[in-house]
Amino acid sequence: MTFLKKIPKKLIFPTFILISIGCGLIAYIFYASRASSYLSDDPKACINCHIMTPYYQSWQHSSHGRVTNCNDCHVPHNNVVSKYAFKAKDGLYHATIFTLDKQPQVIRPREGSYEVIMDNCIRCHTELNTTMVSTGTIDYNHAQMGDGKACWDCHREVPHTKNININSAPHAIVPYPPSPVPDWLMRMTENEKPNNK
């Protein structure tokens, strides 16, 4: 506790109060944002942000919705470290854009995501591309150089459709994320509602 010796005695208590408040705010933000849900592969984590509901709905009603989850397509699968590093980088970017209300009307993957998505197309459909139709596979870099096409150049409706945007499904039926309001507080506010007699 040598750092306490450097703080004047009259500032020790206020410093601990400020640190406690800061830790409490961080814990509350972590809880209210359901941050732990992003460690899972549950697609419902994506709809913690309401702007993702049309994308969730279009995936859910696609053929991919029966056999994949969002992470199957949108994060790398070469190792656990790159998977969670990519999720963290993308998640922090998405959280920042959403918090600042700077999301575009049409949400599209960022440049770094296209390669990941195409690698995952190839990973899942290797047998189809090499055995059944004998077209072989190219990666995203080849498509960028003009040596072929990216998967979505032909498969434009898979899985989200090309016309999907924030307003394309304003009444999308998706599961609501659980409320961050604790049960005891919900009960307390229910008891305080005025009776409309």
N, C-alpha and C. Protein backbone atom coordinates (compact mmCIF):
# COMPACT_ATOMS: atom_id res chain seq x y z
N MET A 1 0.82 -1.19 0.00
CA MET A 1 0.00 0.00 0.00
C MET A 1 0.87 1.26 0.00
N THR A 2 1.98 1.20 -0.72
CA THR A 2 2.86 2.38 -0.76
C THR A 2 2.22 3.54 -1.49
N PHE A 3 1.28 3.26 -2.40
CA PHE A 3 0.64 4.37 -3.12
C PHE A 3 -0.21 5.22 -2.19
N LEU A 4 -0.70 4.61 -1.07
CA LEU A 4 -1.49 5.38 -0.11
C LEU A 4 -0.64 6.41 0.62
N LYS A 5 0.64 6.12 0.75
CA LYS A 5 1.53 7.06 1.43
C LYS A 5 1.75 8.32 0.60
N LYS A 6 1.55 8.21 -0.72
CA LYS A 6 1.76 9.34 -1.61
C LYS A 6 0.53 10.25 -1.66
N ILE A 7 -0.62 9.74 -1.21
CA ILE A 7 -1.85 10.52 -1.23
C ILE A 7 -2.00 11.22 0.12
N PRO A 8 -2.29 12.53 0.11
CA PRO A 8 -2.53 13.21 1.39
C PRO A 8 -3.68 12.54 2.14
N LYS A 9 -3.57 12.48 3.48
CA LYS A 9 -4.55 11.75 4.29
C LYS A 9 -5.98 12.22 4.06
N LYS A 10 -6.17 13.52 3.86
CA LYS A 10 -7.52 14.03 3.68
C LYS A 10 -8.13 13.64 2.33
N LEU A 11 -7.31 13.16 1.40
CA LEU A 11 -7.82 12.76 0.07
C LEU A 11 -8.01 11.24 -0.06
N ILE A 12 -7.58 10.46 0.94
CA ILE A 12 -7.69 9.00 0.84
C ILE A 12 -9.14 8.56 0.77
N PHE A 13 -9.98 9.05 1.66
CA PHE A 13 -11.40 8.65 1.67
C PHE A 13 -12.11 9.09 0.38
N PRO A 14 -11.99 10.35 -0.06
CA PRO A 14 -12.63 10.74 -1.33
C PRO A 14 -12.11 9.94 -2.53
N THR A 15 -10.82 9.60 -2.50
CA THR A 15 -10.26 8.79 -3.60
C THR A 15 -10.93 7.42 -3.66
N PHE A 16 -11.07 6.78 -2.49
CA PHE A 16 -11.74 5.48 -2.45
C PHE A 16 -13.20 5.58 -2.87
N ILE A 17 -13.86 6.67 -2.49
CA ILE A 17 -15.25 6.87 -2.91
C ILE A 17 -15.32 6.99 -4.43
N LEU A 18 -14.46 7.79 -5.02
CA LEU A 18 -14.45 7.96 -6.49
C LEU A 18 -14.13 6.65 -7.21
N ILE A 19 -13.16 5.91 -6.67
CA ILE A 19 -12.82 4.61 -7.28
C ILE A 19 -14.00 3.65 -7.16
N SER A 20 -14.67 3.65 -6.02
CA SER A 20 -15.84 2.78 -5.82
C SER A 20 -16.96 3.15 -6.78
N ILE A 21 -17.22 4.43 -6.95
CA ILE A 21 -18.26 4.88 -7.88
C ILE A 21 -17.90 4.46 -9.30
N GLY A 22 -16.64 4.67 -9.67
CA GLY A 22 -16.19 4.28 -11.01
C GLY A 22 -16.35 2.78 -11.25
N CYS A 23 -15.94 1.97 -10.26
CA CYS A 23 -16.09 0.50 -10.40
C CYS A 23 -17.56 0.12 -10.47
N GLY A 24 -18.40 0.79 -9.67
CA GLY A 24 -19.84 0.52 -9.72
C GLY A 24 -20.45 0.86 -11.07
N LEU A 25 -20.05 1.99 -11.63
CA LEU A 25 -20.56 2.37 -12.96
C LEU A 25 -20.11 1.38 -14.03
N ILE A 26 -18.87 0.97 -13.97
CA ILE A 26 -18.37 -0.01 -14.95
C ILE A 26 -19.13 -1.33 -14.81
N ALA A 27 -19.35 -1.77 -13.57
CA ALA A 27 -20.09 -3.02 -13.35
C ALA A 27 -21.53 -2.89 -13.85
N TYR A 28 -22.16 -1.73 -13.61
CA TYR A 28 -23.53 -1.53 -14.07
C TYR A 28 -23.60 -1.50 -15.60
N ILE A 29 -22.67 -0.83 -16.25
CA ILE A 29 -22.66 -0.78 -17.72
C ILE A 29 -22.46 -2.18 -18.28
N PHE A 30 -21.57 -2.95 -17.68
CA PHE A 30 -21.34 -4.33 -18.10
C PHE A 30 -22.62 -5.14 -17.97
N TYR A 31 -23.34 -4.95 -16.84
CA TYR A 31 -24.59 -5.68 -16.59
C TYR A 31 -25.70 -5.21 -17.54
N ALA A 32 -25.91 -3.90 -17.64
CA ALA A 32 -27.02 -3.36 -18.44
C ALA A 32 -26.83 -3.63 -19.93
N SER A 33 -25.61 -3.67 -20.39
CA SER A 33 -25.36 -3.91 -21.82
C SER A 33 -25.32 -5.40 -22.15
N ARG A 34 -25.48 -6.25 -21.13
CA ARG A 34 -25.42 -7.70 -21.30
C ARG A 34 -24.10 -8.10 -21.99
N ALA A 35 -23.02 -7.48 -21.55
CA ALA A 35 -21.72 -7.70 -22.18
C ALA A 35 -21.29 -9.16 -22.16
N SER A 36 -21.66 -9.89 -21.13
CA SER A 36 -21.25 -11.30 -21.06
C SER A 36 -21.91 -12.12 -22.17
N SER A 37 -23.06 -11.67 -22.69
CA SER A 37 -23.73 -12.43 -23.76
C SER A 37 -22.90 -12.47 -25.03
N TYR A 38 -22.00 -11.49 -25.20
CA TYR A 38 -21.18 -11.45 -26.41
C TYR A 38 -20.06 -12.50 -26.40
N LEU A 39 -19.86 -13.14 -25.27
CA LEU A 39 -18.87 -14.20 -25.20
C LEU A 39 -19.43 -15.52 -25.75
N SER A 40 -20.74 -15.58 -25.92
CA SER A 40 -21.38 -16.80 -26.40
C SER A 40 -21.54 -16.76 -27.92
N ASP A 41 -22.07 -17.84 -28.45
CA ASP A 41 -22.40 -17.91 -29.88
C ASP A 41 -23.90 -17.76 -30.10
N ASP A 42 -24.63 -17.33 -29.09
CA ASP A 42 -26.08 -17.18 -29.19
C ASP A 42 -26.42 -15.99 -30.09
N PRO A 43 -27.17 -16.22 -31.18
CA PRO A 43 -27.53 -15.13 -32.09
C PRO A 43 -28.35 -14.03 -31.41
N LYS A 44 -29.01 -14.35 -30.30
CA LYS A 44 -29.81 -13.33 -29.61
C LYS A 44 -28.92 -12.22 -29.05
N ALA A 45 -27.63 -12.49 -28.87
CA ALA A 45 -26.72 -11.44 -28.42
C ALA A 45 -26.67 -10.30 -29.43
N CYS A 46 -26.83 -10.62 -30.69
CA CYS A 46 -26.76 -9.59 -31.74
C CYS A 46 -27.92 -8.61 -31.66
N ILE A 47 -29.06 -9.06 -31.14
CA ILE A 47 -30.21 -8.15 -31.08
C ILE A 47 -30.30 -7.43 -29.74
N ASN A 48 -29.20 -7.43 -28.98
CA ASN A 48 -29.13 -6.53 -27.84
C ASN A 48 -29.26 -5.09 -28.34
N CYS A 49 -28.78 -4.86 -29.57
CA CYS A 49 -28.96 -3.56 -30.22
C CYS A 49 -30.15 -3.70 -31.17
N HIS A 50 -31.17 -2.87 -30.96
CA HIS A 50 -32.41 -3.03 -31.75
C HIS A 50 -32.19 -2.82 -33.24
N ILE A 51 -31.14 -2.11 -33.63
CA ILE A 51 -30.93 -1.88 -35.06
C ILE A 51 -30.56 -3.16 -35.81
N MET A 52 -30.23 -4.21 -35.07
CA MET A 52 -29.88 -5.47 -35.72
C MET A 52 -31.08 -6.38 -35.95
N THR A 53 -32.27 -5.98 -35.52
CA THR A 53 -33.43 -6.87 -35.63
C THR A 53 -33.75 -7.27 -37.07
N PRO A 54 -33.69 -6.38 -38.08
CA PRO A 54 -33.98 -6.86 -39.44
C PRO A 54 -32.95 -7.89 -39.92
N TYR A 55 -31.71 -7.74 -39.49
CA TYR A 55 -30.66 -8.67 -39.90
C TYR A 55 -30.86 -10.02 -39.20
N TYR A 56 -31.24 -9.98 -37.94
CA TYR A 56 -31.55 -11.21 -37.21
C TYR A 56 -32.74 -11.91 -37.86
N GLN A 57 -33.79 -11.16 -38.18
CA GLN A 57 -34.98 -11.76 -38.76
C GLN A 57 -34.69 -12.37 -40.14
N SER A 58 -33.93 -11.66 -40.97
CA SER A 58 -33.64 -12.21 -42.30
C SER A 58 -32.77 -13.45 -42.20
N TRP A 59 -31.82 -13.47 -41.25
CA TRP A 59 -31.02 -14.68 -41.03
C TRP A 59 -31.91 -15.82 -40.52
N GLN A 60 -32.79 -15.51 -39.56
CA GLN A 60 -33.63 -16.53 -38.94
C GLN A 60 -34.53 -17.22 -39.96
N HIS A 61 -34.98 -16.48 -40.96
CA HIS A 61 -35.89 -17.04 -41.96
C HIS A 61 -35.15 -17.57 -43.19
N SER A 62 -33.83 -17.52 -43.17
CA SER A 62 -33.06 -18.04 -44.30
C SER A 62 -32.68 -19.50 -44.06
N SER A 63 -32.16 -20.14 -45.09
CA SER A 63 -31.70 -21.52 -44.93
C SER A 63 -30.55 -21.59 -43.93
N HIS A 64 -29.76 -20.54 -43.82
CA HIS A 64 -28.66 -20.52 -42.86
C HIS A 64 -29.16 -20.49 -41.42
N GLY A 65 -30.35 -19.97 -41.19
CA GLY A 65 -30.89 -19.86 -39.85
C GLY A 65 -31.12 -21.19 -39.18
N ARG A 66 -31.23 -22.25 -39.96
CA ARG A 66 -31.46 -23.57 -39.39
C ARG A 66 -30.16 -24.29 -39.02
N VAL A 67 -29.05 -23.86 -39.56
CA VAL A 67 -27.80 -24.61 -39.35
C VAL A 67 -26.62 -23.77 -38.86
N THR A 68 -26.79 -22.46 -38.77
CA THR A 68 -25.67 -21.61 -38.37
C THR A 68 -26.09 -20.63 -37.29
N ASN A 69 -25.10 -19.96 -36.75
CA ASN A 69 -25.36 -18.79 -35.91
C ASN A 69 -24.53 -17.64 -36.48
N CYS A 70 -24.69 -16.46 -35.94
CA CYS A 70 -24.01 -15.28 -36.49
C CYS A 70 -22.49 -15.47 -36.52
N ASN A 71 -21.94 -16.05 -35.45
CA ASN A 71 -20.49 -16.22 -35.38
C ASN A 71 -19.95 -17.21 -36.39
N ASP A 72 -20.77 -18.14 -36.86
CA ASP A 72 -20.31 -19.08 -37.88
C ASP A 72 -19.85 -18.34 -39.13
N CYS A 73 -20.48 -17.22 -39.43
CA CYS A 73 -20.14 -16.46 -40.63
C CYS A 73 -19.26 -15.24 -40.35
N HIS A 74 -19.47 -14.59 -39.21
CA HIS A 74 -18.90 -13.26 -39.01
C HIS A 74 -17.63 -13.19 -38.18
N VAL A 75 -17.13 -14.29 -37.66
CA VAL A 75 -15.86 -14.24 -36.93
C VAL A 75 -14.92 -15.34 -37.46
N PRO A 76 -13.61 -15.12 -37.35
CA PRO A 76 -12.67 -16.15 -37.81
C PRO A 76 -12.73 -17.40 -36.95
N HIS A 77 -12.39 -18.54 -37.55
CA HIS A 77 -12.44 -19.80 -36.82
C HIS A 77 -11.09 -20.53 -36.84
N ASN A 78 -10.03 -19.81 -37.15
CA ASN A 78 -8.73 -20.48 -37.20
C ASN A 78 -8.19 -20.80 -35.81
N ASN A 79 -8.51 -19.96 -34.79
CA ASN A 79 -8.17 -20.28 -33.40
C ASN A 79 -9.00 -19.41 -32.46
N VAL A 80 -9.02 -19.78 -31.19
CA VAL A 80 -9.86 -19.10 -30.20
C VAL A 80 -9.41 -17.66 -29.98
N VAL A 81 -8.11 -17.43 -29.98
CA VAL A 81 -7.59 -16.08 -29.74
C VAL A 81 -8.04 -15.12 -30.83
N SER A 82 -7.90 -15.52 -32.10
CA SER A 82 -8.30 -14.62 -33.18
C SER A 82 -9.82 -14.43 -33.20
N LYS A 83 -10.56 -15.47 -32.83
CA LYS A 83 -12.02 -15.36 -32.78
C LYS A 83 -12.44 -14.28 -31.80
N TYR A 84 -11.95 -14.37 -30.55
CA TYR A 84 -12.37 -13.41 -29.54
C TYR A 84 -11.73 -12.04 -29.71
N ALA A 85 -10.54 -11.98 -30.28
CA ALA A 85 -9.93 -10.68 -30.58
C ALA A 85 -10.75 -9.96 -31.65
N PHE A 86 -11.19 -10.70 -32.66
CA PHE A 86 -12.01 -10.11 -33.73
C PHE A 86 -13.36 -9.67 -33.17
N LYS A 87 -13.97 -10.53 -32.33
CA LYS A 87 -15.26 -10.17 -31.72
C LYS A 87 -15.12 -8.91 -30.87
N ALA A 88 -14.03 -8.81 -30.10
CA ALA A 88 -13.83 -7.64 -29.25
C ALA A 88 -13.65 -6.38 -30.09
N LYS A 89 -12.82 -6.48 -31.12
CA LYS A 89 -12.56 -5.31 -31.98
C LYS A 89 -13.85 -4.87 -32.67
N ASP A 90 -14.57 -5.81 -33.27
CA ASP A 90 -15.82 -5.48 -33.94
C ASP A 90 -16.88 -5.00 -32.95
N GLY A 91 -16.96 -5.67 -31.81
CA GLY A 91 -17.95 -5.30 -30.80
C GLY A 91 -17.74 -3.90 -30.26
N LEU A 92 -16.50 -3.54 -29.98
CA LEU A 92 -16.23 -2.19 -29.49
C LEU A 92 -16.54 -1.14 -30.55
N TYR A 93 -16.25 -1.47 -31.80
CA TYR A 93 -16.59 -0.55 -32.89
C TYR A 93 -18.11 -0.38 -32.98
N HIS A 94 -18.84 -1.50 -32.96
CA HIS A 94 -20.31 -1.44 -33.05
C HIS A 94 -20.89 -0.69 -31.86
N ALA A 95 -20.39 -0.95 -30.67
CA ALA A 95 -20.90 -0.27 -29.47
C ALA A 95 -20.66 1.23 -29.56
N THR A 96 -19.51 1.62 -30.06
CA THR A 96 -19.20 3.04 -30.19
C THR A 96 -20.13 3.71 -31.19
N ILE A 97 -20.30 3.09 -32.35
CA ILE A 97 -21.16 3.66 -33.39
C ILE A 97 -22.60 3.75 -32.89
N PHE A 98 -23.08 2.71 -32.22
CA PHE A 98 -24.45 2.70 -31.72
C PHE A 98 -24.64 3.73 -30.61
N THR A 99 -23.67 3.82 -29.69
CA THR A 99 -23.77 4.78 -28.59
C THR A 99 -23.78 6.22 -29.11
N LEU A 100 -22.97 6.49 -30.13
CA LEU A 100 -22.91 7.84 -30.70
C LEU A 100 -24.03 8.10 -31.71
N ASP A 101 -24.90 7.10 -31.94
CA ASP A 101 -26.01 7.20 -32.89
C ASP A 101 -25.50 7.56 -34.29
N LYS A 102 -24.44 6.91 -34.71
CA LYS A 102 -23.83 7.17 -36.02
C LYS A 102 -23.98 5.99 -36.97
N GLN A 103 -24.89 5.06 -36.67
CA GLN A 103 -25.04 3.89 -37.52
C GLN A 103 -25.65 4.32 -38.86
N PRO A 104 -25.17 3.72 -39.96
CA PRO A 104 -25.74 4.05 -41.26
C PRO A 104 -27.11 3.38 -41.42
N GLN A 105 -27.87 3.86 -42.38
CA GLN A 105 -29.19 3.27 -42.65
C GLN A 105 -29.04 1.82 -43.12
N VAL A 106 -28.04 1.57 -43.94
CA VAL A 106 -27.77 0.22 -44.44
C VAL A 106 -26.46 -0.24 -43.81
N ILE A 107 -26.55 -1.24 -42.97
CA ILE A 107 -25.36 -1.74 -42.28
C ILE A 107 -24.72 -2.82 -43.15
N ARG A 108 -23.47 -2.61 -43.46
CA ARG A 108 -22.70 -3.58 -44.24
C ARG A 108 -21.42 -3.89 -43.49
N PRO A 109 -20.83 -5.05 -43.76
CA PRO A 109 -19.57 -5.39 -43.08
C PRO A 109 -18.47 -4.38 -43.42
N ARG A 110 -17.57 -4.19 -42.48
CA ARG A 110 -16.41 -3.35 -42.75
C ARG A 110 -15.43 -4.16 -43.60
N GLU A 111 -14.48 -3.47 -44.17
CA GLU A 111 -13.55 -4.11 -45.11
C GLU A 111 -12.87 -5.34 -44.51
N GLY A 112 -12.45 -5.27 -43.27
CA GLY A 112 -11.79 -6.42 -42.64
C GLY A 112 -12.70 -7.61 -42.44
N SER A 113 -14.01 -7.37 -42.45
CA SER A 113 -14.97 -8.47 -42.23
C SER A 113 -15.23 -9.27 -43.49
N TYR A 114 -15.08 -8.68 -44.66
CA TYR A 114 -15.39 -9.39 -45.89
C TYR A 114 -14.52 -10.64 -46.06
N GLU A 115 -13.24 -10.51 -45.76
CA GLU A 115 -12.35 -11.66 -45.88
C GLU A 115 -12.76 -12.77 -44.92
N VAL A 116 -13.12 -12.40 -43.70
CA VAL A 116 -13.55 -13.38 -42.70
C VAL A 116 -14.81 -14.10 -43.18
N ILE A 117 -15.77 -13.34 -43.69
CA ILE A 117 -17.03 -13.93 -44.15
C ILE A 117 -16.78 -14.90 -45.30
N MET A 118 -15.97 -14.49 -46.27
CA MET A 118 -15.72 -15.38 -47.41
C MET A 118 -14.93 -16.62 -46.97
N ASP A 119 -13.98 -16.45 -46.06
CA ASP A 119 -13.25 -17.62 -45.55
C ASP A 119 -14.22 -18.61 -44.90
N ASN A 120 -15.24 -18.08 -44.23
CA ASN A 120 -16.22 -18.96 -43.58
C ASN A 120 -17.15 -19.61 -44.60
N CYS A 121 -17.47 -18.91 -45.69
CA CYS A 121 -18.24 -19.54 -46.78
C CYS A 121 -17.46 -20.75 -47.30
N ILE A 122 -16.18 -20.52 -47.54
CA ILE A 122 -15.32 -21.59 -48.08
C ILE A 122 -15.20 -22.73 -47.07
N ARG A 123 -15.04 -22.37 -45.80
CA ARG A 123 -14.89 -23.39 -44.75
C ARG A 123 -16.11 -24.31 -44.70
N CYS A 124 -17.29 -23.73 -44.77
CA CYS A 124 -18.51 -24.54 -44.67
C CYS A 124 -18.86 -25.26 -45.97
N HIS A 125 -18.51 -24.67 -47.09
CA HIS A 125 -18.94 -25.21 -48.38
C HIS A 125 -17.78 -25.77 -49.20
N THR A 126 -16.73 -26.21 -48.53
CA THR A 126 -15.55 -26.73 -49.25
C THR A 126 -15.92 -27.92 -50.12
N GLU A 127 -16.66 -28.86 -49.59
CA GLU A 127 -17.02 -30.05 -50.37
C GLU A 127 -17.84 -29.67 -51.60
N LEU A 128 -18.77 -28.77 -51.43
CA LEU A 128 -19.58 -28.31 -52.57
C LEU A 128 -18.71 -27.68 -53.64
N ASN A 129 -17.76 -26.83 -53.24
CA ASN A 129 -16.93 -26.11 -54.20
C ASN A 129 -15.85 -26.96 -54.84
N THR A 130 -15.44 -28.02 -54.20
CA THR A 130 -14.33 -28.80 -54.74
C THR A 130 -14.75 -30.14 -55.32
N THR A 131 -15.82 -30.72 -54.82
CA THR A 131 -16.20 -32.05 -55.26
C THR A 131 -17.43 -32.05 -56.15
N MET A 132 -18.48 -31.39 -55.68
CA MET A 132 -19.75 -31.51 -56.37
C MET A 132 -19.82 -30.68 -57.65
N VAL A 133 -19.33 -29.43 -57.60
CA VAL A 133 -19.43 -28.60 -58.80
C VAL A 133 -18.07 -28.33 -59.43
N SER A 134 -17.00 -28.73 -58.78
CA SER A 134 -15.64 -28.64 -59.31
C SER A 134 -15.26 -27.23 -59.76
N THR A 135 -15.72 -26.22 -59.05
CA THR A 135 -15.33 -24.86 -59.41
C THR A 135 -14.07 -24.43 -58.67
N GLY A 136 -13.71 -25.19 -57.65
CA GLY A 136 -12.57 -24.79 -56.85
C GLY A 136 -12.94 -23.64 -55.95
N THR A 137 -12.00 -23.16 -55.18
CA THR A 137 -12.28 -22.03 -54.31
C THR A 137 -11.22 -20.96 -54.51
N ILE A 138 -11.65 -19.74 -54.40
CA ILE A 138 -10.71 -18.62 -54.37
C ILE A 138 -10.98 -17.90 -53.07
N ASP A 139 -10.01 -17.16 -52.60
CA ASP A 139 -10.26 -16.41 -51.38
C ASP A 139 -10.62 -14.97 -51.72
N TYR A 140 -10.89 -14.18 -50.71
CA TYR A 140 -11.35 -12.81 -50.92
C TYR A 140 -10.29 -11.97 -51.62
N ASN A 141 -9.01 -12.22 -51.31
CA ASN A 141 -7.94 -11.46 -51.96
C ASN A 141 -7.94 -11.69 -53.46
N HIS A 142 -8.20 -12.94 -53.90
CA HIS A 142 -8.29 -13.22 -55.34
C HIS A 142 -9.46 -12.46 -55.96
N ALA A 143 -10.58 -12.44 -55.25
CA ALA A 143 -11.76 -11.71 -55.75
C ALA A 143 -11.46 -10.22 -55.87
N GLN A 144 -10.72 -9.68 -54.91
CA GLN A 144 -10.36 -8.26 -54.95
C GLN A 144 -9.45 -7.94 -56.13
N MET A 145 -8.60 -8.91 -56.52
CA MET A 145 -7.68 -8.69 -57.64
C MET A 145 -8.35 -8.97 -58.99
N GLY A 146 -9.61 -9.39 -58.96
CA GLY A 146 -10.32 -9.66 -60.21
C GLY A 146 -10.12 -11.07 -60.74
N ASP A 147 -9.57 -11.97 -59.94
CA ASP A 147 -9.34 -13.35 -60.38
C ASP A 147 -10.57 -14.23 -60.19
N GLY A 148 -11.66 -13.66 -59.80
CA GLY A 148 -12.90 -14.40 -59.57
C GLY A 148 -13.87 -13.50 -58.83
N LYS A 149 -14.93 -14.09 -58.35
CA LYS A 149 -15.95 -13.32 -57.66
C LYS A 149 -16.02 -13.74 -56.20
N ALA A 150 -16.45 -12.79 -55.39
CA ALA A 150 -16.74 -13.12 -54.00
C ALA A 150 -18.04 -13.92 -53.98
N CYS A 151 -18.24 -14.72 -52.96
CA CYS A 151 -19.43 -15.58 -52.88
C CYS A 151 -20.72 -14.79 -53.04
N TRP A 152 -20.80 -13.63 -52.40
CA TRP A 152 -22.02 -12.83 -52.40
C TRP A 152 -22.25 -12.08 -53.70
N ASP A 153 -21.27 -12.10 -54.62
CA ASP A 153 -21.51 -11.49 -55.93
C ASP A 153 -22.59 -12.26 -56.69
N CYS A 154 -22.65 -13.57 -56.46
CA CYS A 154 -23.69 -14.40 -57.09
C CYS A 154 -24.82 -14.70 -56.11
N HIS A 155 -24.46 -15.02 -54.89
CA HIS A 155 -25.46 -15.40 -53.88
C HIS A 155 -25.88 -14.15 -53.12
N ARG A 156 -26.58 -13.27 -53.78
CA ARG A 156 -26.89 -11.94 -53.23
C ARG A 156 -27.94 -11.95 -52.15
N GLU A 157 -28.73 -12.96 -52.08
CA GLU A 157 -29.82 -13.00 -51.10
C GLU A 157 -29.48 -13.84 -49.87
N VAL A 158 -28.25 -14.30 -49.77
CA VAL A 158 -27.88 -15.21 -48.68
C VAL A 158 -27.06 -14.47 -47.65
N PRO A 159 -27.35 -14.56 -46.39
CA PRO A 159 -28.64 -14.94 -45.83
C PRO A 159 -29.51 -13.73 -45.52
N HIS A 160 -28.96 -12.50 -45.69
CA HIS A 160 -29.70 -11.32 -45.23
C HIS A 160 -30.48 -10.58 -46.31
N THR A 161 -30.39 -10.94 -47.52
CA THR A 161 -30.97 -10.26 -48.69
C THR A 161 -30.24 -8.96 -48.97
N LYS A 162 -30.19 -8.56 -50.22
CA LYS A 162 -29.42 -7.38 -50.61
C LYS A 162 -30.11 -6.08 -50.24
N ASN A 163 -31.41 -6.12 -49.98
CA ASN A 163 -32.15 -4.90 -49.70
C ASN A 163 -32.37 -4.63 -48.21
N ILE A 164 -31.74 -5.40 -47.37
CA ILE A 164 -31.97 -5.26 -45.93
C ILE A 164 -31.38 -3.94 -45.42
N ASN A 165 -32.13 -3.26 -44.59
CA ASN A 165 -31.64 -2.06 -43.93
C ASN A 165 -32.43 -1.87 -42.64
N ILE A 166 -32.10 -0.85 -41.89
CA ILE A 166 -32.70 -0.66 -40.57
C ILE A 166 -34.22 -0.53 -40.66
N ASN A 167 -34.73 0.11 -41.71
CA ASN A 167 -36.16 0.33 -41.83
C ASN A 167 -36.89 -0.72 -42.66
N SER A 168 -36.18 -1.73 -43.13
CA SER A 168 -36.82 -2.70 -44.02
C SER A 168 -37.80 -3.61 -43.30
N ALA A 169 -37.64 -3.78 -42.02
CA ALA A 169 -38.55 -4.63 -41.24
C ALA A 169 -38.84 -3.95 -39.91
N PRO A 170 -39.61 -2.84 -39.94
CA PRO A 170 -39.81 -2.09 -38.70
C PRO A 170 -40.56 -2.87 -37.63
N HIS A 171 -41.32 -3.87 -38.02
CA HIS A 171 -42.07 -4.65 -37.03
C HIS A 171 -41.54 -6.09 -36.98
N ALA A 172 -40.24 -6.23 -37.12
CA ALA A 172 -39.63 -7.55 -37.10
C ALA A 172 -39.95 -8.25 -35.79
N ILE A 173 -40.37 -9.49 -35.91
CA ILE A 173 -40.68 -10.28 -34.72
C ILE A 173 -39.43 -11.05 -34.34
N VAL A 174 -38.82 -10.60 -33.28
CA VAL A 174 -37.60 -11.25 -32.78
C VAL A 174 -37.73 -11.33 -31.26
N PRO A 175 -37.00 -12.23 -30.64
CA PRO A 175 -37.08 -12.31 -29.17
C PRO A 175 -36.49 -11.05 -28.54
N TYR A 176 -37.21 -10.49 -27.58
CA TYR A 176 -36.67 -9.34 -26.87
C TYR A 176 -35.61 -9.80 -25.90
N PRO A 177 -34.52 -9.05 -25.80
CA PRO A 177 -33.53 -9.40 -24.79
C PRO A 177 -34.11 -9.18 -23.40
N PRO A 178 -33.63 -9.91 -22.41
CA PRO A 178 -34.16 -9.72 -21.06
C PRO A 178 -33.88 -8.30 -20.56
N SER A 179 -34.77 -7.80 -19.76
CA SER A 179 -34.62 -6.45 -19.21
C SER A 179 -33.45 -6.40 -18.24
N PRO A 180 -32.66 -5.34 -18.28
CA PRO A 180 -31.57 -5.22 -17.30
C PRO A 180 -32.06 -4.74 -15.94
N VAL A 181 -33.35 -4.40 -15.85
CA VAL A 181 -33.90 -3.93 -14.57
C VAL A 181 -34.06 -5.12 -13.64
N PRO A 182 -33.49 -5.06 -12.44
CA PRO A 182 -33.60 -6.20 -11.51
C PRO A 182 -35.06 -6.46 -11.12
N ASP A 183 -35.35 -7.72 -10.81
CA ASP A 183 -36.72 -8.12 -10.45
C ASP A 183 -37.26 -7.32 -9.27
N TRP A 184 -36.44 -7.10 -8.25
CA TRP A 184 -36.91 -6.38 -7.07
C TRP A 184 -37.35 -4.97 -7.43
N LEU A 185 -36.65 -4.33 -8.38
CA LEU A 185 -37.01 -2.98 -8.78
C LEU A 185 -38.28 -2.99 -9.62
N MET A 186 -38.43 -4.02 -10.46
CA MET A 186 -39.66 -4.16 -11.26
C MET A 186 -40.86 -4.30 -10.33
N ARG A 187 -40.74 -5.16 -9.30
CA ARG A 187 -41.84 -5.36 -8.35
C ARG A 187 -42.16 -4.06 -7.61
N MET A 188 -41.11 -3.33 -7.23
CA MET A 188 -41.31 -2.10 -6.49
C MET A 188 -42.03 -1.06 -7.36
N THR A 189 -41.66 -0.93 -8.62
CA THR A 189 -42.31 0.04 -9.50
C THR A 189 -43.73 -0.39 -9.84
N GLU A 190 -43.99 -1.70 -9.92
CA GLU A 190 -45.34 -2.18 -10.16
C GLU A 190 -46.25 -1.80 -8.99
N ASN A 191 -45.74 -1.89 -7.76
CA ASN A 191 -46.54 -1.56 -6.58
C ASN A 191 -46.83 -0.08 -6.46
N GLU A 192 -45.96 0.76 -7.08
CA GLU A 192 -46.13 2.20 -6.96
C GLU A 192 -46.98 2.81 -8.08
N LYS A 193 -47.42 2.01 -9.04
CA LYS A 193 -48.24 2.56 -10.12
C LYS A 193 -49.57 3.03 -9.56
N PRO A 194 -50.03 4.21 -10.01
CA PRO A 194 -51.32 4.70 -9.50
C PRO A 194 -52.47 3.84 -10.03
N ASN A 195 -53.47 3.68 -9.19
CA ASN A 195 -54.66 2.92 -9.61
C ASN A 195 -55.54 3.81 -10.46
N ASN A 196 -55.89 3.32 -11.63
CA ASN A 196 -56.76 4.08 -12.53
C ASN A 196 -58.20 3.62 -12.28
N LYS A 197 -58.85 4.18 -11.28
CA LYS A 197 -60.22 3.79 -10.97
C LYS A 197 -61.18 4.86 -11.42
